[in-house]
Amino acid sequence: YKNEGEEYGRSPGYNALSPTIELNGVVEIITQAGELTALPSWYVLDDGTFGNGTIDRSPGGVIPIDVTSSRITGMAPIGQIGTVGSTMPLLKLMEMLVQEIKMHFLNDKLTDLNNTTRMTLGEAQIRNELRADNTGAIFSRQLDEKFTPVIRRTIAILEEEGELGVEPGSEMYAQLVAAGIEPLVIPEELLILREQGVEIYPIEYISPAARILRSEEIRGLMSLWQFAATFSAAAPELMLWLNKRKTMPLVKELYGAPDDSIVSEEEFEVAYEDYKKQMAQQQQIQAAALAAEIAKNTAAANQQNAQASATRSGQNGLINGGGAGPQEMIL
């Protein structure tokens, strides 16, 4: 980031400079303590003075000491000069400084969220969101302040040299014709757009960094479809809001899939028409089968009703003394 009016920005290393310098000093002290522990300084008795007033504390250093000290105090003729104290406070300070530096670089947010078990889908998405949030500003500055100006300058140079086409009737057009070279003519539509200030060659980045900057679109797209699918049971009309034709090309672009992973829009239209015809045929077949089943069930029901009616008529005649009812017998 950078403040208004600044020529250069401020990096995480600039913010972490103070604890980094202090950490270097602590590491040097711990290193010296380790050397003194492995190779301590020694003293030896000598007829000279106490090291001529100099105490050598370097690892393996030897310091001459007056021999009279042995007679007075009874000290050993040779031995270690003290011992190194506990380095635990320094180690704790070292851990604190390392943690502070990591916080400046947001390194703690880029590590695994649990470090012990495999992350779930939700945790992986959270990690991707944190990664996009932490690195988005860096990628955005690289694109806006470095790559885009370079690309635009390159296009401008190519246009000046006529590599991208020349304007009809221009001086360069006449020079190319005079040299026997057939010039590449810029279409009139592009000339009109250029006069209107429209960028003829818009820059579109397809790198992983560019996809990270658009990761919010991916999450929004997934959330939108999940919301519509979840509540479509209660409100089916929600699915009508979704643009199904534009979803797959957009997902392919955001995820960085190769161009041949999906068909072109023309091929999709042809396949979609065939799909609708197949679905209509299946619906007709299902409707015909359903009608046949209904007719079959109706015929079976009519036959059962006729049999039941005949059975009831026969039973009625037998009860009244013949095959017919009393009215029929009188008539």
Protein backbone atom coordinates (compact mmCIF):
# COMPACT_ATOMS: atom_id res chain seq x y z
CA TYR A 1 0.00 0.00 0.00
CA LYS A 2 1.05 3.60 -0.26
CA ASN A 3 -0.16 6.89 1.09
CA GLU A 4 -1.36 9.71 -1.10
CA GLY A 5 1.52 11.55 -2.74
CA GLU A 6 4.08 8.80 -2.11
CA GLU A 7 6.17 7.61 -5.02
CA TYR A 8 6.85 4.13 -3.66
CA GLY A 9 4.58 1.92 -1.64
CA ARG A 10 5.09 0.24 1.71
CA SER A 11 5.55 -3.52 1.79
CA PRO A 12 4.95 -5.93 4.71
CA GLY A 13 8.73 -6.14 5.10
CA TYR A 14 8.84 -2.39 5.76
CA ASN A 15 6.34 -2.78 8.61
CA ALA A 16 8.19 -5.80 10.01
CA LEU A 17 11.61 -4.12 9.84
CA SER A 18 11.86 -3.27 13.55
CA PRO A 19 11.06 -6.75 14.95
CA THR A 20 13.25 -8.29 12.24
CA ILE A 21 16.30 -6.30 13.37
CA GLU A 22 15.58 -7.18 17.00
CA LEU A 23 15.13 -10.84 16.07
CA ASN A 24 18.52 -10.84 14.35
CA GLY A 25 20.12 -9.52 17.54
CA VAL A 26 18.38 -12.16 19.68
CA VAL A 27 19.49 -14.93 17.33
CA GLU A 28 23.10 -13.73 17.56
CA ILE A 29 22.94 -13.82 21.40
CA ILE A 30 21.42 -17.31 21.39
CA THR A 31 24.08 -18.46 18.93
CA GLN A 32 26.87 -17.10 21.15
CA ALA A 33 25.27 -18.74 24.19
CA GLY A 34 25.21 -22.06 22.35
CA GLU A 35 28.89 -21.70 21.45
CA LEU A 36 29.81 -20.87 25.05
CA THR A 37 27.85 -23.88 26.27
CA ALA A 38 29.60 -26.23 23.85
CA LEU A 39 33.03 -24.56 24.09
CA PRO A 40 33.22 -22.63 27.38
CA SER A 41 36.04 -20.24 28.30
CA TRP A 42 38.74 -21.59 30.59
CA TYR A 43 41.17 -20.10 33.08
CA VAL A 44 44.68 -21.39 33.93
CA LEU A 45 47.05 -20.41 36.74
CA ASP A 46 50.10 -18.47 35.64
CA ASP A 47 52.80 -16.32 37.17
CA GLY A 48 51.46 -13.33 35.24
CA THR A 49 48.67 -10.98 36.15
CA PHE A 50 44.95 -11.62 35.71
CA GLY A 51 45.01 -11.73 31.94
CA ASN A 52 46.57 -8.29 31.77
CA GLY A 53 43.14 -6.87 32.64
CA THR A 54 41.42 -8.67 29.74
CA ILE A 55 38.79 -11.39 30.11
CA ASP A 56 38.39 -13.50 26.99
CA ARG A 57 34.73 -14.65 26.88
CA SER A 58 34.94 -16.15 23.43
CA PRO A 59 34.27 -19.90 23.06
CA GLY A 60 37.48 -21.78 23.83
CA GLY A 61 39.27 -18.68 25.11
CA VAL A 62 42.09 -19.05 27.71
CA ILE A 63 42.75 -16.41 30.41
CA PRO A 64 46.01 -16.42 32.45
CA ILE A 65 45.45 -15.89 36.22
CA ASP A 66 48.01 -14.99 38.93
CA VAL A 67 49.30 -18.15 40.63
CA THR A 68 49.06 -16.50 44.05
CA SER A 69 45.29 -16.77 43.85
CA SER A 70 45.62 -20.52 44.23
CA ARG A 71 47.58 -20.19 47.47
CA ILE A 72 45.11 -17.70 48.92
CA THR A 73 41.79 -19.18 47.91
CA GLY A 74 42.74 -22.76 47.16
CA MET A 75 41.21 -22.58 43.66
CA ALA A 76 41.91 -25.28 41.12
CA PRO A 77 44.72 -24.65 38.68
CA ILE A 78 42.35 -24.87 35.72
CA GLY A 79 38.57 -24.61 35.34
CA GLN A 80 35.63 -22.99 33.53
CA ILE A 81 34.86 -19.33 33.90
CA GLY A 82 31.21 -19.37 34.89
CA THR A 83 28.39 -21.03 32.96
CA VAL A 84 25.83 -19.81 30.48
CA GLY A 85 22.47 -19.08 32.07
CA SER A 86 19.12 -20.36 30.82
CA THR A 87 18.22 -19.23 27.31
CA MET A 88 14.50 -19.90 27.75
CA PRO A 89 13.60 -16.19 28.09
CA LEU A 90 15.45 -15.47 24.87
CA LEU A 91 13.73 -18.37 23.10
CA LYS A 92 10.33 -17.06 24.18
CA LEU A 93 11.29 -13.60 22.95
CA MET A 94 12.39 -15.17 19.69
CA GLU A 95 9.02 -16.91 19.26
CA MET A 96 7.20 -13.66 19.99
CA LEU A 97 9.23 -11.77 17.39
CA VAL A 98 8.73 -14.49 14.79
CA GLN A 99 4.99 -14.40 15.41
CA GLU A 100 4.94 -10.62 15.08
CA ILE A 101 6.80 -10.80 11.75
CA LYS A 102 4.35 -13.43 10.50
CA MET A 103 1.46 -11.16 11.40
CA HIS A 104 2.98 -8.37 9.29
CA PHE A 105 3.21 -10.74 6.32
CA LEU A 106 -0.20 -12.33 7.13
CA ASN A 107 1.62 -15.65 7.02
CA ASP A 108 -0.58 -17.15 9.72
CA LYS A 109 -3.63 -16.73 7.51
CA LEU A 110 -2.02 -18.54 4.60
CA THR A 111 -1.30 -21.73 6.53
CA ASP A 112 -3.69 -24.61 7.10
CA LEU A 113 -6.62 -23.88 9.36
CA ASN A 114 -6.14 -26.98 11.53
CA ASN A 115 -2.77 -28.60 10.59
CA THR A 116 -3.92 -31.99 11.93
CA THR A 117 -6.78 -33.31 9.82
CA ARG A 118 -7.86 -32.87 6.26
CA MET A 119 -9.73 -29.62 5.68
CA THR A 120 -13.41 -29.72 4.86
CA LEU A 121 -14.86 -28.02 1.81
CA GLY A 122 -15.98 -25.07 3.90
CA GLU A 123 -12.53 -24.65 5.46
CA ALA A 124 -10.90 -24.84 2.03
CA GLN A 125 -13.23 -22.13 0.76
CA ILE A 126 -12.44 -19.96 3.79
CA ARG A 127 -8.73 -20.40 3.11
CA ASN A 128 -9.17 -19.42 -0.52
CA GLU A 129 -11.12 -16.35 0.55
CA LEU A 130 -8.38 -15.31 2.98
CA ARG A 131 -5.73 -15.90 0.33
CA ALA A 132 -7.65 -13.78 -2.17
CA ASP A 133 -8.16 -11.00 0.38
CA ASN A 134 -4.50 -10.96 1.41
CA THR A 135 -2.96 -11.11 -2.06
CA GLY A 136 -5.61 -9.25 -4.05
CA ALA A 137 -4.13 -5.80 -3.40
CA ILE A 138 -0.64 -6.94 -4.44
CA PHE A 139 -1.87 -8.50 -7.69
CA SER A 140 -4.05 -5.49 -8.44
CA ARG A 141 -1.08 -3.10 -8.11
CA GLN A 142 1.08 -5.34 -10.30
CA LEU A 143 -1.55 -5.37 -13.04
CA ASP A 144 -2.47 -1.67 -12.86
CA GLU A 145 0.97 -0.18 -12.29
CA LYS A 146 3.22 -2.52 -14.26
CA PHE A 147 1.70 -4.93 -16.77
CA THR A 148 -1.14 -2.80 -18.12
CA PRO A 149 1.08 0.25 -18.91
CA VAL A 150 3.66 -2.02 -20.58
CA ILE A 151 1.02 -3.73 -22.73
CA ARG A 152 -0.61 -0.45 -23.72
CA ARG A 153 2.75 1.08 -24.61
CA THR A 154 3.59 -1.97 -26.72
CA ILE A 155 0.29 -1.71 -28.58
CA ALA A 156 0.91 2.00 -29.17
CA ILE A 157 4.36 1.29 -30.65
CA LEU A 158 2.93 -1.41 -32.92
CA GLU A 159 0.21 0.99 -34.08
CA GLU A 160 2.77 3.72 -34.81
CA GLU A 161 4.84 1.28 -36.88
CA GLY A 162 1.78 0.11 -38.80
CA GLU A 163 2.02 -3.49 -37.57
CA LEU A 164 -1.65 -3.45 -36.53
CA GLY A 165 -2.90 -1.80 -39.71
CA VAL A 166 -2.74 1.61 -41.32
CA GLU A 167 -5.36 4.24 -41.96
CA PRO A 168 -6.44 4.53 -45.61
CA GLY A 169 -5.04 7.64 -47.31
CA SER A 170 -2.39 8.22 -44.64
CA GLU A 171 1.28 8.92 -45.35
CA MET A 172 2.30 5.45 -44.17
CA TYR A 173 -0.34 3.92 -46.45
CA ALA A 174 1.17 5.77 -49.46
CA GLN A 175 4.70 4.70 -48.48
CA LEU A 176 3.72 1.04 -48.27
CA VAL A 177 1.92 1.18 -51.61
CA ALA A 178 4.92 2.89 -53.22
CA ALA A 179 7.18 0.14 -51.84
CA GLY A 180 4.97 -2.51 -53.44
CA ILE A 181 3.62 -3.72 -50.11
CA GLU A 182 -0.07 -4.34 -49.70
CA PRO A 183 -0.94 -2.58 -46.44
CA LEU A 184 -3.22 -3.95 -43.78
CA VAL A 185 -6.09 -1.47 -43.73
CA ILE A 186 -7.85 -0.63 -40.47
CA PRO A 187 -11.63 -1.06 -40.89
CA GLU A 188 -13.70 2.09 -40.83
CA GLU A 189 -15.66 0.86 -37.81
CA LEU A 190 -12.47 0.67 -35.74
CA LEU A 191 -11.39 4.13 -36.87
CA ILE A 192 -14.72 5.57 -35.73
CA LEU A 193 -14.39 3.87 -32.36
CA ARG A 194 -10.82 5.10 -31.97
CA GLU A 195 -11.91 8.68 -32.66
CA GLN A 196 -14.57 8.26 -29.99
CA GLY A 197 -11.91 7.27 -27.47
CA VAL A 198 -12.91 3.61 -27.26
CA GLU A 199 -10.07 1.21 -26.43
CA ILE A 200 -9.70 -0.96 -29.53
CA TYR A 201 -7.65 -3.63 -27.78
CA PRO A 202 -9.09 -4.15 -24.29
CA ILE A 203 -6.74 -5.98 -21.96
CA GLU A 204 -8.11 -9.08 -20.27
CA TYR A 205 -5.91 -11.07 -17.90
CA ILE A 206 -6.40 -14.85 -17.65
CA SER A 207 -3.57 -15.65 -15.24
CA PRO A 208 -4.15 -17.33 -11.84
CA ALA A 209 -3.60 -13.93 -10.20
CA ALA A 210 -6.40 -12.43 -12.30
CA ARG A 211 -8.70 -15.30 -11.33
CA ILE A 212 -7.92 -14.68 -7.67
CA LEU A 213 -9.09 -11.10 -8.11
CA ARG A 214 -12.39 -12.45 -9.47
CA SER A 215 -12.78 -15.18 -6.86
CA GLU A 216 -15.58 -13.17 -5.26
CA GLU A 217 -17.59 -13.63 -8.47
CA ILE A 218 -17.18 -17.41 -8.21
CA ARG A 219 -18.39 -17.45 -4.62
CA GLY A 220 -21.30 -15.20 -5.52
CA LEU A 221 -22.28 -17.39 -8.46
CA MET A 222 -22.20 -20.56 -6.36
CA SER A 223 -24.18 -18.93 -3.55
CA LEU A 224 -26.80 -17.69 -6.02
CA TRP A 225 -27.38 -21.14 -7.52
CA GLN A 226 -27.40 -22.79 -4.09
CA PHE A 227 -29.97 -20.30 -2.84
CA ALA A 228 -32.22 -20.80 -5.87
CA ALA A 229 -31.92 -24.59 -5.70
CA THR A 230 -32.63 -24.65 -1.96
CA PHE A 231 -35.80 -22.56 -2.09
CA SER A 232 -37.04 -23.75 -5.50
CA ALA A 233 -39.14 -26.41 -3.77
CA ALA A 234 -41.16 -23.68 -2.06
CA ALA A 235 -40.93 -21.16 -4.91
CA PRO A 236 -40.10 -22.85 -8.27
CA GLU A 237 -40.19 -19.52 -10.09
CA LEU A 238 -36.85 -18.58 -8.48
CA MET A 239 -35.04 -20.75 -11.05
CA LEU A 240 -36.41 -18.51 -13.80
CA TRP A 241 -34.16 -15.68 -12.59
CA LEU A 242 -30.99 -17.63 -13.44
CA ASN A 243 -29.36 -17.20 -16.85
CA LYS A 244 -28.51 -20.80 -17.60
CA ARG A 245 -26.96 -20.09 -20.99
CA LYS A 246 -24.37 -17.66 -19.59
CA THR A 247 -23.45 -19.63 -16.48
CA MET A 248 -21.17 -22.28 -17.96
CA PRO A 249 -19.02 -19.88 -20.07
CA LEU A 250 -18.63 -17.64 -17.02
CA VAL A 251 -17.68 -20.55 -14.76
CA LYS A 252 -15.17 -21.79 -17.32
CA GLU A 253 -13.58 -18.34 -17.44
CA LEU A 254 -13.47 -17.85 -13.67
CA TYR A 255 -12.03 -21.31 -12.96
CA GLY A 256 -9.47 -21.03 -15.77
CA ALA A 257 -10.61 -24.16 -17.61
CA PRO A 258 -9.29 -24.68 -21.18
CA ASP A 259 -11.31 -23.29 -24.06
CA ASP A 260 -12.20 -26.72 -25.44
CA SER A 261 -13.70 -27.84 -22.13
CA ILE A 262 -17.12 -26.55 -23.23
CA VAL A 263 -18.70 -26.26 -26.67
CA SER A 264 -19.20 -23.01 -28.50
CA GLU A 265 -22.43 -21.05 -28.23
CA GLU A 266 -23.51 -22.16 -31.72
CA GLU A 267 -22.88 -25.83 -30.89
CA PHE A 268 -24.75 -25.37 -27.62
CA GLU A 269 -27.77 -23.96 -29.47
CA VAL A 270 -27.84 -26.97 -31.81
CA ALA A 271 -27.43 -29.41 -28.93
CA TYR A 272 -30.07 -27.57 -26.92
CA GLU A 273 -32.59 -27.81 -29.77
CA ASP A 274 -31.92 -31.54 -30.08
CA TYR A 275 -32.29 -31.85 -26.32
CA LYS A 276 -35.67 -30.09 -26.40
CA LYS A 277 -36.85 -32.36 -29.24
CA GLN A 278 -35.78 -35.45 -27.31
CA MET A 279 -37.55 -34.21 -24.20
CA ALA A 280 -40.71 -33.49 -26.26
CA GLN A 281 -40.59 -36.98 -27.76
CA GLN A 282 -40.13 -38.53 -24.34
CA GLN A 283 -43.08 -36.51 -23.04
CA GLN A 284 -45.20 -37.68 -25.98
CA ILE A 285 -44.19 -41.30 -25.37
CA GLN A 286 -44.95 -40.94 -21.68
CA ALA A 287 -48.29 -39.25 -22.46
CA ALA A 288 -49.20 -42.02 -24.92
CA ALA A 289 -48.22 -44.69 -22.42
CA LEU A 290 -50.25 -42.94 -19.74
CA ALA A 291 -53.28 -42.68 -22.07
CA ALA A 292 -52.97 -46.35 -22.96
CA GLU A 293 -52.75 -47.25 -19.29
CA ILE A 294 -55.83 -45.15 -18.53
CA ALA A 295 -57.75 -46.76 -21.43
CA LYS A 296 -56.71 -50.19 -20.24
CA ASN A 297 -57.78 -49.45 -16.70
CA THR A 298 -61.09 -47.97 -17.95
CA ALA A 299 -61.84 -51.05 -20.09
CA ALA A 300 -61.03 -53.34 -17.19
CA ALA A 301 -63.27 -51.28 -14.93
CA ASN A 302 -66.13 -51.38 -17.48
CA GLN A 303 -65.78 -55.11 -17.82
CA GLN A 304 -65.84 -55.56 -14.07
CA ASN A 305 -68.93 -53.33 -13.84
CA ALA A 306 -70.69 -55.35 -16.56
CA GLN A 307 -69.88 -58.61 -14.83
CA ALA A 308 -71.10 -57.23 -11.53
CA SER A 309 -74.36 -56.03 -13.16
CA ALA A 310 -74.96 -59.41 -14.78
CA THR A 311 -74.31 -61.16 -11.52
CA ARG A 312 -76.77 -58.95 -9.69
CA SER A 313 -79.49 -59.56 -12.39
CA GLY A 314 -79.10 -63.31 -12.14
CA GLN A 315 -79.33 -63.29 -8.40
CA ASN A 316 -82.50 -61.11 -8.57
CA GLY A 317 -84.31 -63.59 -10.94
CA LEU A 318 -83.53 -66.55 -8.79
CA ILE A 319 -84.94 -64.86 -5.75
CA ASN A 320 -88.26 -64.14 -7.53
CA GLY A 321 -88.77 -67.64 -8.98
CA GLY A 322 -87.27 -67.34 -12.38
CA GLY A 323 -84.70 -65.79 -14.51
CA ALA A 324 -86.50 -62.45 -14.62
CA GLY A 325 -87.95 -60.08 -12.11
CA PRO A 326 -91.61 -59.88 -11.11
CA GLN A 327 -92.44 -57.06 -13.50
CA GLU A 328 -91.04 -58.98 -16.46
CA MET A 329 -92.97 -62.14 -15.42
CA ILE A 330 -96.31 -60.23 -15.19
CA LEU A 331 -95.82 -58.64 -18.58
